[in-house]
Amino acid sequence: VAEGVEFSGHYGRCIMLMGVPYQEVLSDVLKARLDYLVHDDDLRNEERQVGDKEFLTFDAMRMASQCVGRVMKDKGDYGVLVFADSRYSRHDKWSKLPDWIQ
């Protein structure tokens, strides 16, 4: 399901993630963003430098969180979340998902 789709009532009670939603790594925008995060001197001096692999993983988990969040909009909502990719069981992926999903 693409972003921007609204489900209400009993619609959308199950979300199945098939794969990890990584960005297109050949995108010029992504290349510029990664270049800034990896090579910026101000970030390096403040010890906030982020590796490209870590950024891509964090961004993919942010997108996955937004997707499964379409089922759980408030405390009264319920649904089934299926992470149908073994990569979600890895610590570097699972630890970047919000606490309510873990």
C-alpha atoms as a PDB file:
ATOM      1  CA  VAL A   1       0.000   0.000   0.000  1.00  0.00           C
ATOM      2  CA  ALA A   2       1.404   3.356  -0.944  1.00  0.00           C
ATOM      3  CA  GLU A   3       1.719   6.304   1.395  1.00  0.00           C
ATOM      4  CA  GLY A   4      -1.283   8.564   1.668  1.00  0.00           C
ATOM      5  CA  VAL A   5      -3.945   5.840   1.655  1.00  0.00           C
ATOM      6  CA  GLU A   6      -6.394   6.239   4.540  1.00  0.00           C
ATOM      7  CA  PHE A   7      -8.068   3.230   6.138  1.00  0.00           C
ATOM      8  CA  SER A   8     -10.913   3.708   8.593  1.00  0.00           C
ATOM      9  CA  GLY A   9     -13.134   1.411  10.605  1.00  0.00           C
ATOM     10  CA  HIS A  10     -12.508  -2.267  10.013  1.00  0.00           C
ATOM     11  CA  TYR A  11     -10.468  -1.717   6.829  1.00  0.00           C
ATOM     12  CA  GLY A  12      -6.731  -2.315   6.969  1.00  0.00           C
ATOM     13  CA  ARG A  13      -6.576  -4.649   9.978  1.00  0.00           C
ATOM     14  CA  CYS A  14      -3.558  -6.525   8.606  1.00  0.00           C
ATOM     15  CA  ILE A  15      -0.307  -5.171   7.226  1.00  0.00           C
ATOM     16  CA  MET A  16       2.183  -7.531   5.605  1.00  0.00           C
ATOM     17  CA  LEU A  17       5.619  -6.162   4.841  1.00  0.00           C
ATOM     18  CA  MET A  18       7.265  -8.101   2.043  1.00  0.00           C
ATOM     19  CA  GLY A  19      10.854  -6.910   1.961  1.00  0.00           C
ATOM     20  CA  VAL A  20      12.660  -3.948   3.472  1.00  0.00           C
ATOM     21  CA  PRO A  21      11.788  -0.565   1.874  1.00  0.00           C
ATOM     22  CA  TYR A  22      15.266   0.735   1.057  1.00  0.00           C
ATOM     23  CA  GLN A  23      15.618   3.870  -1.050  1.00  0.00           C
ATOM     24  CA  GLU A  24      16.973   3.785  -4.586  1.00  0.00           C
ATOM     25  CA  VAL A  25      20.711   4.126  -3.915  1.00  0.00           C
ATOM     26  CA  LEU A  26      21.418   5.654  -7.334  1.00  0.00           C
ATOM     27  CA  SER A  27      19.240   8.705  -6.619  1.00  0.00           C
ATOM     28  CA  ASP A  28      21.139  12.008  -6.853  1.00  0.00           C
ATOM     29  CA  VAL A  29      19.252  13.352  -3.832  1.00  0.00           C
ATOM     30  CA  LEU A  30      20.193  10.323  -1.737  1.00  0.00           C
ATOM     31  CA  LYS A  31      23.832  10.523  -2.877  1.00  0.00           C
ATOM     32  CA  ALA A  32      24.004  14.179  -1.788  1.00  0.00           C
ATOM     33  CA  ARG A  33      22.375  13.399   1.556  1.00  0.00           C
ATOM     34  CA  LEU A  34      24.787  10.524   2.224  1.00  0.00           C
ATOM     35  CA  ASP A  35      27.761  12.644   1.185  1.00  0.00           C
ATOM     36  CA  TYR A  36      26.737  15.283   3.726  1.00  0.00           C
ATOM     37  CA  LEU A  37      26.162  12.762   6.525  1.00  0.00           C
ATOM     38  CA  VAL A  38      29.392  10.846   5.937  1.00  0.00           C
ATOM     39  CA  HIS A  39      31.806  13.646   5.022  1.00  0.00           C
ATOM     40  CA  ASP A  40      30.582  16.851   6.697  1.00  0.00           C
ATOM     41  CA  ASP A  41      33.277  18.310   8.979  1.00  0.00           C
ATOM     42  CA  ASP A  42      30.754  19.923  11.373  1.00  0.00           C
ATOM     43  CA  LEU A  43      29.075  16.582  12.006  1.00  0.00           C
ATOM     44  CA  ARG A  44      32.455  14.875  12.394  1.00  0.00           C
ATOM     45  CA  ASN A  45      33.569  17.463  14.974  1.00  0.00           C
ATOM     46  CA  GLU A  46      30.367  16.961  16.972  1.00  0.00           C
ATOM     47  CA  GLU A  47      30.718  13.170  16.753  1.00  0.00           C
ATOM     48  CA  ARG A  48      27.317  12.878  15.050  1.00  0.00           C
ATOM     49  CA  GLN A  49      28.675  11.389  11.872  1.00  0.00           C
ATOM     50  CA  VAL A  50      26.449   8.671  10.431  1.00  0.00           C
ATOM     51  CA  GLY A  51      27.600   5.897   8.120  1.00  0.00           C
ATOM     52  CA  ASP A  52      25.803   5.404   4.837  1.00  0.00           C
ATOM     53  CA  LYS A  53      24.677   1.860   5.698  1.00  0.00           C
ATOM     54  CA  GLU A  54      23.325   2.994   9.063  1.00  0.00           C
ATOM     55  CA  PHE A  55      21.417   5.880   7.455  1.00  0.00           C
ATOM     56  CA  LEU A  56      19.890   3.632   4.781  1.00  0.00           C
ATOM     57  CA  THR A  57      18.804   1.098   7.418  1.00  0.00           C
ATOM     58  CA  PHE A  58      17.337   3.801   9.683  1.00  0.00           C
ATOM     59  CA  ASP A  59      15.447   5.343   6.770  1.00  0.00           C
ATOM     60  CA  ALA A  60      14.078   1.954   5.665  1.00  0.00           C
ATOM     61  CA  MET A  61      12.870   1.199   9.215  1.00  0.00           C
ATOM     62  CA  ARG A  62      11.249   4.647   9.385  1.00  0.00           C
ATOM     63  CA  MET A  63       9.341   3.857   6.203  1.00  0.00           C
ATOM     64  CA  ALA A  64       8.358   0.409   7.541  1.00  0.00           C
ATOM     65  CA  SER A  65       7.106   2.034  10.776  1.00  0.00           C
ATOM     66  CA  GLN A  66       4.962   4.468   8.830  1.00  0.00           C
ATOM     67  CA  CYS A  67       3.488   1.613   6.833  1.00  0.00           C
ATOM     68  CA  VAL A  68       2.521  -0.521   9.824  1.00  0.00           C
ATOM     69  CA  GLY A  69       1.318   2.595  11.626  1.00  0.00           C
ATOM     70  CA  ARG A  70      -1.602   2.703   9.212  1.00  0.00           C
ATOM     71  CA  VAL A  71      -3.160  -0.152  11.206  1.00  0.00           C
ATOM     72  CA  MET A  72      -2.531   1.352  14.646  1.00  0.00           C
ATOM     73  CA  LYS A  73      -3.676   4.968  14.642  1.00  0.00           C
ATOM     74  CA  ASP A  74      -4.709   5.270  18.287  1.00  0.00           C
ATOM     75  CA  LYS A  75      -4.792   3.237  21.491  1.00  0.00           C
ATOM     76  CA  GLY A  76      -8.119   1.621  20.600  1.00  0.00           C
ATOM     77  CA  ASP A  77      -7.002   0.242  17.251  1.00  0.00           C
ATOM     78  CA  TYR A  78      -5.947  -3.334  16.694  1.00  0.00           C
ATOM     79  CA  GLY A  79      -4.542  -5.350  13.848  1.00  0.00           C
ATOM     80  CA  VAL A  80      -1.993  -7.878  12.712  1.00  0.00           C
ATOM     81  CA  LEU A  81       1.497  -6.826  11.663  1.00  0.00           C
ATOM     82  CA  VAL A  82       3.376  -9.399   9.582  1.00  0.00           C
ATOM     83  CA  PHE A  83       7.060  -8.775   8.919  1.00  0.00           C
ATOM     84  CA  ALA A  84       7.492 -11.315   6.102  1.00  0.00           C
ATOM     85  CA  ASP A  85      11.229 -10.914   5.641  1.00  0.00           C
ATOM     86  CA  SER A  86      13.888 -12.575   7.793  1.00  0.00           C
ATOM     87  CA  ARG A  87      15.969  -9.370   7.763  1.00  0.00           C
ATOM     88  CA  TYR A  88      13.538  -7.823  10.261  1.00  0.00           C
ATOM     89  CA  SER A  89      14.744 -10.311  12.879  1.00  0.00           C
ATOM     90  CA  ARG A  90      18.269  -8.876  12.774  1.00  0.00           C
ATOM     91  CA  HIS A  91      19.208  -6.534  15.605  1.00  0.00           C
ATOM     92  CA  ASP A  92      20.329  -3.737  13.247  1.00  0.00           C
ATOM     93  CA  LYS A  93      16.811  -3.651  11.787  1.00  0.00           C
ATOM     94  CA  TRP A  94      14.554  -4.538  14.730  1.00  0.00           C
ATOM     95  CA  SER A  95      16.263  -2.115  17.135  1.00  0.00           C
ATOM     96  CA  LYS A  96      15.448   0.818  14.828  1.00  0.00           C
ATOM     97  CA  LEU A  97      11.706   0.173  14.941  1.00  0.00           C
ATOM     98  CA  PRO A  98       9.624   2.057  17.539  1.00  0.00           C
ATOM     99  CA  ASP A  99       9.031   0.447  20.946  1.00  0.00           C
ATOM    100  CA  TRP A 100       5.326  -0.131  20.274  1.00  0.00           C
ATOM    101  CA  ILE A 101       6.248  -2.387  17.350  1.00  0.00           C
ATOM    102  CA  GLN A 102       9.019  -4.268  19.138  1.00  0.00           C
END
